[in-house]
Amino acid sequence: RKAYSLVAERIRAEKLKAEKLSLERFRTDSLAAARLKENERLKKDEVYFKVQILSSVKPKGDFEVTIAGVKYMAIQYYYLKEYRYVIAAFRSVDPARELQNKARSSGWPQAFVAAFRNGERSLDKELFK
């Protein structure tokens, strides 16, 4: 009876683990699909400004942050051998700078505005004028 109980508990634990993995895969696939859709939208010959809040040598994956009471999804991208995390996309630099200031006062002191052209990071300073 005790052995049966242990086996049943182990089966329940394995099922729970499988469900969690399935949910995580679904979440990852959903985020990847959303990221692809967003990248396709941004790949036109347009410039977007995003607020970068963090960079890391180790990947953290996408995560949610709250800035000034608003929730944002921090999206991971890889650039110059580091993982970087950006929130929001703006067609002009001024609203991005506003969000940068809010991010800094909400616990992300390293936040800055990064420019993207055709979905890729650009260091062209002319874009900020």
N, C-alpha and C. Protein backbone atom coordinates (compact mmCIF):
# COMPACT_ATOMS: atom_id res chain seq x y z
N ARG A 1 0.83 -1.19 0.00
CA ARG A 1 0.00 0.00 0.00
C ARG A 1 0.88 1.25 0.00
N LYS A 2 1.91 1.23 0.85
CA LYS A 2 2.82 2.38 0.92
C LYS A 2 3.59 2.54 -0.40
N ALA A 3 4.03 1.44 -0.98
CA ALA A 3 4.73 1.48 -2.26
C ALA A 3 3.82 2.02 -3.35
N TYR A 4 2.54 1.59 -3.34
CA TYR A 4 1.57 2.07 -4.32
C TYR A 4 1.39 3.58 -4.18
N SER A 5 1.31 4.05 -2.94
CA SER A 5 1.14 5.47 -2.66
C SER A 5 2.34 6.27 -3.19
N LEU A 6 3.53 5.74 -2.98
CA LEU A 6 4.74 6.42 -3.48
C LEU A 6 4.76 6.46 -5.01
N VAL A 7 4.36 5.39 -5.64
CA VAL A 7 4.31 5.34 -7.11
C VAL A 7 3.28 6.34 -7.62
N ALA A 8 2.12 6.37 -6.99
CA ALA A 8 1.06 7.31 -7.41
C ALA A 8 1.53 8.75 -7.25
N GLU A 9 2.20 9.03 -6.15
CA GLU A 9 2.72 10.39 -5.92
C GLU A 9 3.77 10.76 -6.97
N ARG A 10 4.61 9.81 -7.30
CA ARG A 10 5.64 10.05 -8.31
C ARG A 10 5.01 10.32 -9.67
N ILE A 11 3.96 9.56 -10.00
CA ILE A 11 3.26 9.75 -11.27
C ILE A 11 2.62 11.14 -11.30
N ARG A 12 1.99 11.55 -10.20
CA ARG A 12 1.40 12.89 -10.13
C ARG A 12 2.47 13.96 -10.32
N ALA A 13 3.62 13.78 -9.67
CA ALA A 13 4.72 14.75 -9.79
C ALA A 13 5.22 14.83 -11.23
N GLU A 14 5.34 13.68 -11.89
CA GLU A 14 5.79 13.65 -13.28
C GLU A 14 4.78 14.31 -14.21
N LYS A 15 3.48 14.08 -13.95
CA LYS A 15 2.44 14.71 -14.76
C LYS A 15 2.48 16.23 -14.59
N LEU A 16 2.65 16.68 -13.35
CA LEU A 16 2.73 18.10 -13.07
C LEU A 16 3.94 18.72 -13.77
N LYS A 17 5.06 18.02 -13.70
CA LYS A 17 6.27 18.49 -14.36
C LYS A 17 6.06 18.58 -15.88
N ALA A 18 5.40 17.58 -16.46
CA ALA A 18 5.12 17.57 -17.90
C ALA A 18 4.19 18.72 -18.27
N GLU A 19 3.18 18.98 -17.43
CA GLU A 19 2.26 20.09 -17.69
C GLU A 19 2.99 21.42 -17.64
N LYS A 20 3.87 21.58 -16.66
CA LYS A 20 4.65 22.82 -16.55
C LYS A 20 5.54 23.01 -17.77
N LEU A 21 6.19 21.93 -18.22
CA LEU A 21 7.02 22.01 -19.42
C LEU A 21 6.20 22.38 -20.64
N SER A 22 5.04 21.78 -20.76
CA SER A 22 4.15 22.07 -21.88
C SER A 22 3.72 23.54 -21.86
N LEU A 23 3.35 24.03 -20.68
CA LEU A 23 2.98 25.44 -20.55
C LEU A 23 4.13 26.36 -20.89
N GLU A 24 5.32 26.02 -20.42
CA GLU A 24 6.51 26.84 -20.71
C GLU A 24 6.81 26.84 -22.20
N ARG A 25 6.68 25.68 -22.86
CA ARG A 25 6.89 25.61 -24.31
C ARG A 25 5.87 26.48 -25.03
N PHE A 26 4.61 26.40 -24.59
CA PHE A 26 3.56 27.21 -25.21
C PHE A 26 3.87 28.68 -25.04
N ARG A 27 4.28 29.08 -23.83
CA ARG A 27 4.63 30.48 -23.56
C ARG A 27 5.80 30.92 -24.44
N THR A 28 6.83 30.07 -24.52
CA THR A 28 8.01 30.38 -25.32
C THR A 28 7.64 30.50 -26.80
N ASP A 29 6.83 29.55 -27.29
CA ASP A 29 6.40 29.59 -28.69
C ASP A 29 5.56 30.83 -28.95
N SER A 30 4.68 31.18 -28.02
CA SER A 30 3.84 32.37 -28.19
C SER A 30 4.68 33.63 -28.23
N LEU A 31 5.67 33.71 -27.33
CA LEU A 31 6.55 34.89 -27.32
C LEU A 31 7.37 34.95 -28.60
N ALA A 32 7.85 33.81 -29.07
CA ALA A 32 8.63 33.78 -30.30
C ALA A 32 7.78 34.23 -31.48
N ALA A 33 6.54 33.77 -31.54
CA ALA A 33 5.64 34.17 -32.62
C ALA A 33 5.35 35.66 -32.55
N ALA A 34 5.13 36.18 -31.35
CA ALA A 34 4.88 37.61 -31.18
C ALA A 34 6.11 38.42 -31.58
N ARG A 35 7.29 37.93 -31.21
CA ARG A 35 8.53 38.62 -31.57
C ARG A 35 8.72 38.63 -33.08
N LEU A 36 8.46 37.49 -33.74
CA LEU A 36 8.57 37.44 -35.21
C LEU A 36 7.61 38.41 -35.87
N LYS A 37 6.38 38.43 -35.38
CA LYS A 37 5.38 39.33 -35.94
C LYS A 37 5.81 40.79 -35.76
N GLU A 38 6.31 41.11 -34.58
CA GLU A 38 6.77 42.48 -34.31
C GLU A 38 7.97 42.82 -35.19
N ASN A 39 8.91 41.90 -35.34
CA ASN A 39 10.07 42.15 -36.19
C ASN A 39 9.67 42.37 -37.64
N GLU A 40 8.70 41.59 -38.12
CA GLU A 40 8.22 41.77 -39.49
C GLU A 40 7.60 43.15 -39.66
N ARG A 41 6.84 43.56 -38.66
CA ARG A 41 6.20 44.87 -38.70
C ARG A 41 7.26 45.99 -38.74
N LEU A 42 8.35 45.78 -38.01
CA LEU A 42 9.37 46.81 -37.89
C LEU A 42 10.43 46.73 -38.99
N LYS A 43 10.42 45.72 -39.83
CA LYS A 43 11.48 45.54 -40.81
C LYS A 43 11.37 46.45 -42.03
N LYS A 44 10.30 47.18 -42.14
CA LYS A 44 10.20 48.12 -43.24
C LYS A 44 11.34 49.12 -43.09
N ASP A 45 11.58 49.91 -44.11
CA ASP A 45 12.68 50.87 -44.02
C ASP A 45 12.29 52.03 -43.11
N GLU A 46 12.01 51.69 -41.87
CA GLU A 46 11.62 52.69 -40.90
C GLU A 46 12.55 52.60 -39.69
N VAL A 47 12.61 53.68 -38.96
CA VAL A 47 13.43 53.73 -37.76
C VAL A 47 12.50 53.70 -36.56
N TYR A 48 12.86 52.88 -35.60
CA TYR A 48 12.13 52.80 -34.34
C TYR A 48 13.10 53.04 -33.20
N PHE A 49 12.57 53.61 -32.15
CA PHE A 49 13.37 53.84 -30.95
C PHE A 49 12.79 53.01 -29.83
N LYS A 50 13.66 52.25 -29.17
CA LYS A 50 13.25 51.39 -28.07
C LYS A 50 14.07 51.77 -26.85
N VAL A 51 13.52 51.53 -25.68
CA VAL A 51 14.22 51.83 -24.44
C VAL A 51 14.88 50.55 -23.96
N GLN A 52 16.20 50.57 -23.91
CA GLN A 52 16.94 49.42 -23.40
C GLN A 52 17.11 49.61 -21.90
N ILE A 53 16.73 48.59 -21.14
CA ILE A 53 16.79 48.70 -19.68
C ILE A 53 17.88 47.86 -19.05
N LEU A 54 18.41 46.89 -19.82
CA LEU A 54 19.36 45.97 -19.21
C LEU A 54 20.19 45.29 -20.28
N SER A 55 21.42 44.93 -19.93
CA SER A 55 22.22 44.05 -20.78
C SER A 55 22.92 43.05 -19.86
N SER A 56 23.19 41.87 -20.42
CA SER A 56 23.75 40.80 -19.61
C SER A 56 24.52 39.84 -20.51
N VAL A 57 25.58 39.25 -19.98
CA VAL A 57 26.31 38.25 -20.76
C VAL A 57 25.57 36.91 -20.75
N LYS A 58 24.67 36.72 -19.79
CA LYS A 58 23.88 35.49 -19.72
C LYS A 58 22.43 35.81 -20.08
N PRO A 59 21.80 34.93 -20.87
CA PRO A 59 20.40 35.19 -21.25
C PRO A 59 19.45 35.05 -20.07
N LYS A 60 18.47 35.92 -20.01
CA LYS A 60 17.45 35.86 -18.97
C LYS A 60 16.08 35.55 -19.56
N GLY A 61 15.97 35.62 -20.89
CA GLY A 61 14.67 35.43 -21.53
C GLY A 61 13.84 36.69 -21.40
N ASP A 62 12.71 36.71 -22.09
CA ASP A 62 11.82 37.85 -22.00
C ASP A 62 11.19 37.86 -20.61
N PHE A 63 10.89 39.05 -20.10
CA PHE A 63 10.27 39.16 -18.79
C PHE A 63 9.44 40.43 -18.73
N GLU A 64 8.54 40.46 -17.77
CA GLU A 64 7.64 41.60 -17.61
C GLU A 64 8.21 42.57 -16.59
N VAL A 65 8.09 43.87 -16.88
CA VAL A 65 8.50 44.91 -15.93
C VAL A 65 7.36 45.92 -15.80
N THR A 66 7.30 46.57 -14.66
CA THR A 66 6.33 47.63 -14.45
C THR A 66 7.08 48.93 -14.27
N ILE A 67 6.73 49.89 -15.10
CA ILE A 67 7.38 51.21 -15.07
C ILE A 67 6.29 52.26 -14.98
N ALA A 68 6.34 53.04 -13.93
CA ALA A 68 5.35 54.09 -13.68
C ALA A 68 3.93 53.53 -13.75
N GLY A 69 3.73 52.33 -13.20
CA GLY A 69 2.42 51.72 -13.14
C GLY A 69 1.96 51.02 -14.41
N VAL A 70 2.79 51.00 -15.44
CA VAL A 70 2.44 50.36 -16.70
C VAL A 70 3.32 49.13 -16.89
N LYS A 71 2.69 48.02 -17.31
CA LYS A 71 3.44 46.78 -17.53
C LYS A 71 3.96 46.74 -18.96
N TYR A 72 5.22 46.34 -19.11
CA TYR A 72 5.88 46.20 -20.40
C TYR A 72 6.53 44.82 -20.47
N MET A 73 6.63 44.27 -21.65
CA MET A 73 7.37 43.03 -21.85
C MET A 73 8.77 43.43 -22.29
N ALA A 74 9.76 43.05 -21.50
CA ALA A 74 11.16 43.30 -21.88
C ALA A 74 11.56 42.17 -22.83
N ILE A 75 11.89 42.54 -24.05
CA ILE A 75 12.20 41.59 -25.10
C ILE A 75 13.72 41.47 -25.24
N GLN A 76 14.18 40.25 -25.24
CA GLN A 76 15.62 39.97 -25.34
C GLN A 76 16.07 39.97 -26.80
N TYR A 77 17.22 40.60 -27.05
CA TYR A 77 17.89 40.45 -28.34
C TYR A 77 19.39 40.36 -28.08
N TYR A 78 20.11 39.81 -29.03
CA TYR A 78 21.56 39.59 -28.87
C TYR A 78 22.29 40.56 -29.79
N TYR A 79 23.23 41.31 -29.21
CA TYR A 79 23.96 42.31 -29.98
C TYR A 79 25.34 42.51 -29.35
N LEU A 80 26.36 42.46 -30.16
CA LEU A 80 27.75 42.64 -29.70
C LEU A 80 28.09 41.78 -28.48
N LYS A 81 27.79 40.50 -28.60
CA LYS A 81 28.14 39.48 -27.60
C LYS A 81 27.47 39.65 -26.24
N GLU A 82 26.34 40.36 -26.21
CA GLU A 82 25.57 40.48 -24.97
C GLU A 82 24.09 40.38 -25.27
N TYR A 83 23.35 39.92 -24.27
CA TYR A 83 21.90 39.89 -24.35
C TYR A 83 21.40 41.23 -23.84
N ARG A 84 20.49 41.82 -24.60
CA ARG A 84 19.97 43.13 -24.23
C ARG A 84 18.45 43.05 -24.18
N TYR A 85 17.87 43.92 -23.36
CA TYR A 85 16.44 43.86 -23.11
C TYR A 85 15.82 45.24 -23.34
N VAL A 86 14.86 45.27 -24.27
CA VAL A 86 14.21 46.53 -24.64
C VAL A 86 12.71 46.46 -24.39
N ILE A 87 12.15 47.65 -24.16
CA ILE A 87 10.70 47.75 -23.97
C ILE A 87 10.18 48.83 -24.91
N ALA A 88 8.99 48.62 -25.41
CA ALA A 88 8.27 49.59 -26.24
C ALA A 88 9.03 49.95 -27.51
N ALA A 89 8.28 50.36 -28.54
CA ALA A 89 8.86 50.82 -29.80
C ALA A 89 8.13 52.08 -30.22
N PHE A 90 8.90 53.11 -30.52
CA PHE A 90 8.34 54.40 -30.90
C PHE A 90 8.89 54.82 -32.25
N ARG A 91 8.10 55.55 -33.01
CA ARG A 91 8.56 56.04 -34.31
C ARG A 91 9.35 57.33 -34.19
N SER A 92 9.26 57.98 -33.05
CA SER A 92 10.06 59.19 -32.84
C SER A 92 10.79 59.07 -31.51
N VAL A 93 11.84 59.84 -31.38
CA VAL A 93 12.72 59.69 -30.22
C VAL A 93 12.14 60.30 -28.94
N ASP A 94 11.31 61.35 -29.04
CA ASP A 94 10.83 62.04 -27.84
C ASP A 94 10.03 61.16 -26.89
N PRO A 95 9.03 60.39 -27.35
CA PRO A 95 8.34 59.51 -26.40
C PRO A 95 9.24 58.43 -25.83
N ALA A 96 10.23 58.00 -26.60
CA ALA A 96 11.19 57.01 -26.09
C ALA A 96 12.02 57.62 -24.96
N ARG A 97 12.41 58.88 -25.12
CA ARG A 97 13.17 59.56 -24.06
C ARG A 97 12.32 59.73 -22.80
N GLU A 98 11.02 60.00 -22.99
CA GLU A 98 10.12 60.11 -21.83
C GLU A 98 10.08 58.78 -21.07
N LEU A 99 9.94 57.68 -21.81
CA LEU A 99 9.91 56.37 -21.17
C LEU A 99 11.26 56.05 -20.53
N GLN A 100 12.34 56.46 -21.17
CA GLN A 100 13.68 56.25 -20.59
C GLN A 100 13.75 56.92 -19.21
N ASN A 101 13.27 58.15 -19.11
CA ASN A 101 13.30 58.86 -17.83
C ASN A 101 12.44 58.16 -16.78
N LYS A 102 11.26 57.68 -17.20
CA LYS A 102 10.40 56.95 -16.26
C LYS A 102 11.07 55.65 -15.82
N ALA A 103 11.72 54.97 -16.76
CA ALA A 103 12.41 53.72 -16.42
C ALA A 103 13.53 53.98 -15.42
N ARG A 104 14.27 55.05 -15.64
CA ARG A 104 15.36 55.38 -14.70
C ARG A 104 14.83 55.65 -13.30
N SER A 105 13.70 56.34 -13.21
CA SER A 105 13.16 56.64 -11.89
C SER A 105 12.38 55.45 -11.31
N SER A 106 12.20 54.39 -12.09
CA SER A 106 11.51 53.19 -11.61
C SER A 106 12.46 52.04 -11.33
N GLY A 107 13.74 52.35 -11.15
CA GLY A 107 14.69 51.31 -10.77
C GLY A 107 15.54 50.74 -11.89
N TRP A 108 15.53 51.37 -13.05
CA TRP A 108 16.37 50.94 -14.17
C TRP A 108 17.31 52.09 -14.54
N PRO A 109 18.29 52.41 -13.67
CA PRO A 109 19.13 53.59 -13.87
C PRO A 109 19.98 53.57 -15.14
N GLN A 110 20.20 52.40 -15.71
CA GLN A 110 21.02 52.29 -16.91
C GLN A 110 20.20 52.40 -18.19
N ALA A 111 18.90 52.68 -18.09
CA ALA A 111 18.02 52.75 -19.26
C ALA A 111 18.49 53.83 -20.23
N PHE A 112 18.40 53.51 -21.52
CA PHE A 112 18.72 54.50 -22.56
C PHE A 112 17.93 54.18 -23.82
N VAL A 113 17.90 55.13 -24.74
CA VAL A 113 17.16 54.95 -25.99
C VAL A 113 18.10 54.37 -27.04
N ALA A 114 17.66 53.29 -27.66
CA ALA A 114 18.43 52.64 -28.73
C ALA A 114 17.62 52.76 -30.02
N ALA A 115 18.32 53.02 -31.12
CA ALA A 115 17.66 53.14 -32.42
C ALA A 115 17.74 51.82 -33.18
N PHE A 116 16.67 51.51 -33.92
CA PHE A 116 16.61 50.30 -34.74
C PHE A 116 16.15 50.69 -36.14
N ARG A 117 16.87 50.22 -37.13
CA ARG A 117 16.48 50.43 -38.52
C ARG A 117 16.33 49.05 -39.15
N ASN A 118 15.21 48.86 -39.82
CA ASN A 118 14.92 47.56 -40.45
C ASN A 118 14.99 46.42 -39.43
N GLY A 119 14.59 46.69 -38.19
CA GLY A 119 14.57 45.65 -37.16
C GLY A 119 15.92 45.36 -36.54
N GLU A 120 16.96 46.09 -36.94
CA GLU A 120 18.30 45.85 -36.38
C GLU A 120 18.83 47.09 -35.69
N ARG A 121 19.60 46.87 -34.65
CA ARG A 121 20.17 47.96 -33.88
C ARG A 121 21.07 48.82 -34.76
N SER A 122 20.96 50.13 -34.60
CA SER A 122 21.78 51.06 -35.38
C SER A 122 22.46 52.03 -34.44
N LEU A 123 23.72 52.32 -34.70
CA LEU A 123 24.47 53.28 -33.90
C LEU A 123 24.58 54.64 -34.61
N ASP A 124 23.83 54.82 -35.68
CA ASP A 124 23.84 56.07 -36.45
C ASP A 124 23.28 57.22 -35.61
N LYS A 125 24.13 58.14 -35.20
CA LYS A 125 23.73 59.25 -34.36
C LYS A 125 22.77 60.21 -35.07
N GLU A 126 22.78 60.20 -36.39
CA GLU A 126 21.89 61.04 -37.18
C GLU A 126 20.42 60.68 -36.92
N LEU A 127 20.16 59.46 -36.54
CA LEU A 127 18.78 59.03 -36.31
C LEU A 127 18.15 59.76 -35.13
N PHE A 128 18.97 60.27 -34.22
CA PHE A 128 18.48 60.92 -33.00
C PHE A 128 18.21 62.41 -33.18
N LYS A 129 18.46 62.93 -34.38
CA LYS A 129 18.26 64.36 -34.61
C LYS A 129 16.86 64.67 -35.07
